[in-house]
C-alpha atoms as a PDB file:
ATOM      1  CA  UNK A   1      10.260 -13.516 -13.123  1.00  0.00           C
ATOM      2  CA  UNK A   2       8.174 -16.016 -10.907  1.00  0.00           C
ATOM      3  CA  UNK A   3       6.119 -15.356  -8.456  1.00  0.00           C
ATOM      4  CA  UNK A   4       8.425 -16.941  -6.192  1.00  0.00           C
ATOM      5  CA  UNK A   5      11.039 -14.899  -6.848  1.00  0.00           C
ATOM      6  CA  UNK A   6       8.890 -11.900  -5.471  1.00  0.00           C
ATOM      7  CA  UNK A   7       8.625 -13.588  -1.938  1.00  0.00           C
ATOM      8  CA  UNK A   8       9.178 -10.776   0.557  1.00  0.00           C
ATOM      9  CA  UNK A   9      10.618 -13.479   2.984  1.00  0.00           C
ATOM     10  CA  UNK A  10      13.404 -14.143   0.192  1.00  0.00           C
ATOM     11  CA  UNK A  11      16.716 -12.791   1.293  1.00  0.00           C
ATOM     12  CA  UNK A  12      18.774 -10.337  -1.302  1.00  0.00           C
ATOM     13  CA  UNK A  13      15.210  -8.968  -2.851  1.00  0.00           C
ATOM     14  CA  UNK A  14      15.344  -5.406  -3.948  1.00  0.00           C
ATOM     15  CA  UNK A  15      11.907  -4.131  -3.773  1.00  0.00           C
ATOM     16  CA  UNK A  16      13.223  -0.561  -5.058  1.00  0.00           C
ATOM     17  CA  UNK A  17      14.634  -2.129  -8.312  1.00  0.00           C
ATOM     18  CA  UNK A  18      12.478  -1.311 -11.548  1.00  0.00           C
ATOM     19  CA  UNK A  19      11.904  -5.196 -12.245  1.00  0.00           C
ATOM     20  CA  UNK A  20      10.586  -5.884  -9.109  1.00  0.00           C
ATOM     21  CA  UNK A  21       8.172  -3.040  -9.317  1.00  0.00           C
ATOM     22  CA  UNK A  22       7.206  -3.720 -12.684  1.00  0.00           C
ATOM     23  CA  UNK A  23       6.197  -7.146 -11.989  1.00  0.00           C
ATOM     24  CA  UNK A  24       4.337  -6.045  -8.766  1.00  0.00           C
ATOM     25  CA  UNK A  25       2.631  -3.677 -10.815  1.00  0.00           C
ATOM     26  CA  UNK A  26       2.070  -6.355 -13.456  1.00  0.00           C
ATOM     27  CA  UNK A  27       0.600  -8.659 -11.055  1.00  0.00           C
ATOM     28  CA  UNK A  28      -1.758  -6.079  -8.816  1.00  0.00           C
ATOM     29  CA  UNK A  29      -4.657  -6.882 -10.316  1.00  0.00           C
ATOM     30  CA  UNK A  30      -4.430 -10.367  -9.468  1.00  0.00           C
ATOM     31  CA  UNK A  31      -3.549  -9.742  -5.863  1.00  0.00           C
ATOM     32  CA  UNK A  32      -6.608  -7.606  -5.451  1.00  0.00           C
ATOM     33  CA  UNK A  33      -8.389 -10.316  -6.785  1.00  0.00           C
ATOM     34  CA  UNK A  34      -6.734 -12.667  -4.198  1.00  0.00           C
ATOM     35  CA  UNK A  35      -6.340 -10.541  -1.299  1.00  0.00           C
ATOM     36  CA  UNK A  36      -9.009  -8.222  -1.808  1.00  0.00           C
ATOM     37  CA  UNK A  37     -11.956 -10.205   0.122  1.00  0.00           C
ATOM     38  CA  UNK A  38      -9.362 -10.791   3.232  1.00  0.00           C
ATOM     39  CA  UNK A  39      -8.211  -7.504   3.207  1.00  0.00           C
ATOM     40  CA  UNK A  40     -11.537  -5.954   3.127  1.00  0.00           C
ATOM     41  CA  UNK A  41     -12.449  -8.186   6.032  1.00  0.00           C
ATOM     42  CA  UNK A  42      -9.151  -7.147   7.788  1.00  0.00           C
ATOM     43  CA  UNK A  43     -11.105  -3.625   7.447  1.00  0.00           C
ATOM     44  CA  UNK A  44     -14.118  -4.614   8.830  1.00  0.00           C
ATOM     45  CA  UNK A  45     -12.348  -6.042  11.962  1.00  0.00           C
ATOM     46  CA  UNK A  46     -10.482  -3.000  12.119  1.00  0.00           C
ATOM     47  CA  UNK A  47     -14.077  -1.606  11.766  1.00  0.00           C
ATOM     48  CA  UNK A  48     -12.319   1.318  10.096  1.00  0.00           C
ATOM     49  CA  UNK A  49     -14.875   3.972   9.616  1.00  0.00           C
ATOM     50  CA  UNK A  50     -15.474   7.499   7.854  1.00  0.00           C
ATOM     51  CA  UNK A  51     -12.784  10.262   8.928  1.00  0.00           C
ATOM     52  CA  UNK A  52     -10.206   7.553  10.397  1.00  0.00           C
ATOM     53  CA  UNK A  53      -6.438   8.197   9.978  1.00  0.00           C
ATOM     54  CA  UNK A  54      -4.671   4.987   8.922  1.00  0.00           C
ATOM     55  CA  UNK A  55      -1.109   3.798   8.436  1.00  0.00           C
ATOM     56  CA  UNK A  56      -0.359   1.675   5.825  1.00  0.00           C
ATOM     57  CA  UNK A  57       3.767  -0.003   6.743  1.00  0.00           C
ATOM     58  CA  UNK A  58       4.752  -1.368   3.778  1.00  0.00           C
ATOM     59  CA  UNK A  59       2.436  -0.389   1.635  1.00  0.00           C
ATOM     60  CA  UNK A  60       3.803  -1.685  -1.737  1.00  0.00           C
ATOM     61  CA  UNK A  61       2.179  -0.353  -4.639  1.00  0.00           C
ATOM     62  CA  UNK A  62      -1.129   0.329  -2.585  1.00  0.00           C
ATOM     63  CA  UNK A  63      -3.769  -1.864  -2.761  1.00  0.00           C
ATOM     64  CA  UNK A  64      -4.708  -1.950   0.771  1.00  0.00           C
ATOM     65  CA  UNK A  65      -4.104   1.560   0.757  1.00  0.00           C
ATOM     66  CA  UNK A  66      -6.892   2.317  -1.667  1.00  0.00           C
ATOM     67  CA  UNK A  67      -9.419   0.044  -0.001  1.00  0.00           C
ATOM     68  CA  UNK A  68      -8.377   1.976   3.515  1.00  0.00           C
ATOM     69  CA  UNK A  69      -8.886   5.381   1.447  1.00  0.00           C
ATOM     70  CA  UNK A  70     -12.073   4.395   0.285  1.00  0.00           C
ATOM     71  CA  UNK A  71     -13.531   3.334   3.298  1.00  0.00           C
ATOM     72  CA  UNK A  72     -12.083   6.379   5.656  1.00  0.00           C
ATOM     73  CA  UNK A  73     -13.554   8.924   2.957  1.00  0.00           C
ATOM     74  CA  UNK A  74     -12.608  12.520   2.049  1.00  0.00           C
ATOM     75  CA  UNK A  75     -12.567  13.550   5.821  1.00  0.00           C
ATOM     76  CA  UNK A  76     -10.079  10.557   6.546  1.00  0.00           C
ATOM     77  CA  UNK A  77      -6.513   9.868   5.733  1.00  0.00           C
ATOM     78  CA  UNK A  78      -4.350   7.411   4.730  1.00  0.00           C
ATOM     79  CA  UNK A  79      -0.492   7.489   4.923  1.00  0.00           C
ATOM     80  CA  UNK A  80       1.493   4.729   3.068  1.00  0.00           C
ATOM     81  CA  UNK A  81       5.222   3.750   4.079  1.00  0.00           C
ATOM     82  CA  UNK A  82       7.241   1.460   1.980  1.00  0.00           C
ATOM     83  CA  UNK A  83      11.259   1.322   1.814  1.00  0.00           C
ATOM     84  CA  UNK A  84      10.475   1.902  -2.028  1.00  0.00           C
ATOM     85  CA  UNK A  85       9.756   5.263  -3.499  1.00  0.00           C
ATOM     86  CA  UNK A  86       9.220   3.474  -6.663  1.00  0.00           C
ATOM     87  CA  UNK A  87       6.369   1.509  -4.960  1.00  0.00           C
ATOM     88  CA  UNK A  88       4.998   4.313  -3.539  1.00  0.00           C
ATOM     89  CA  UNK A  89       4.986   6.099  -7.112  1.00  0.00           C
ATOM     90  CA  UNK A  90       3.041   3.513  -8.269  1.00  0.00           C
ATOM     91  CA  UNK A  91       0.381   3.473  -5.123  1.00  0.00           C
ATOM     92  CA  UNK A  92       0.512   7.387  -5.284  1.00  0.00           C
ATOM     93  CA  UNK A  93      -0.192   7.554  -9.259  1.00  0.00           C
ATOM     94  CA  UNK A  94      -3.258   4.751  -8.892  1.00  0.00           C
ATOM     95  CA  UNK A  95      -4.860   6.608  -6.167  1.00  0.00           C
ATOM     96  CA  UNK A  96      -4.965  10.339  -8.067  1.00  0.00           C
ATOM     97  CA  UNK A  97      -6.156   8.198 -11.024  1.00  0.00           C
ATOM     98  CA  UNK A  98      -8.943   6.875  -8.640  1.00  0.00           C
ATOM     99  CA  UNK A  99     -10.074  10.606  -7.478  1.00  0.00           C
ATOM    100  CA  UNK A 100      -8.665  10.049  -4.085  1.00  0.00           C
ATOM    101  CA  UNK A 101      -6.992  12.765  -2.170  1.00  0.00           C
ATOM    102  CA  UNK A 102      -6.791  11.524   0.691  1.00  0.00           C
ATOM    103  CA  UNK A 103      -3.763   9.424   0.397  1.00  0.00           C
ATOM    104  CA  UNK A 104      -0.093  10.489   1.306  1.00  0.00           C
ATOM    105  CA  UNK A 105       2.737   8.538   0.793  1.00  0.00           C
ATOM    106  CA  UNK A 106       6.315   8.681   2.387  1.00  0.00           C
ATOM    107  CA  UNK A 107       9.532   6.578   2.340  1.00  0.00           C
ATOM    108  CA  UNK A 108      10.708   4.813   5.675  1.00  0.00           C
ATOM    109  CA  UNK A 109      11.789   1.911   6.665  1.00  0.00           C
ATOM    110  CA  UNK A 110       9.042  -0.268   8.361  1.00  0.00           C
ATOM    111  CA  UNK A 111      11.511  -0.937  11.233  1.00  0.00           C
ATOM    112  CA  UNK A 112      12.364   2.751  12.156  1.00  0.00           C
ATOM    113  CA  UNK A 113       9.068   4.676  11.377  1.00  0.00           C
ATOM    114  CA  UNK A 114       9.635   8.374  12.062  1.00  0.00           C
ATOM    115  CA  UNK A 115       6.524   9.918  12.688  1.00  0.00           C
ATOM    116  CA  UNK A 116       4.622  12.719  14.855  1.00  0.00           C
ATOM    117  CA  UNK A 117       2.734  11.492  17.448  1.00  0.00           C
ATOM    118  CA  UNK A 118      -0.799  12.764  16.090  1.00  0.00           C
END
């Protein structure tokens, strides 16, 4: 599968399919290397600090989720949402293996987030 076939704007991509999730997981290190510095800059601009609560919409396999979770520390919290339970399973597994206990995952449509006000 080519990177072009994983274009999130491409109609008809089934982000919950085993094939897509496996491909996305295999390429996580490459995405982290490319996107990591940009994500870190975004987190800097958001002034993310220890103890903050973060909502990560369309988290996928959680690359940015983990960076945010490390920044907010054990007193902070990151809720990673995605429409694919399989993608979120990878994110939760990676967070657990990384020793991050401040990450929660929930399956949700990015256009219809159902969250408590707090």
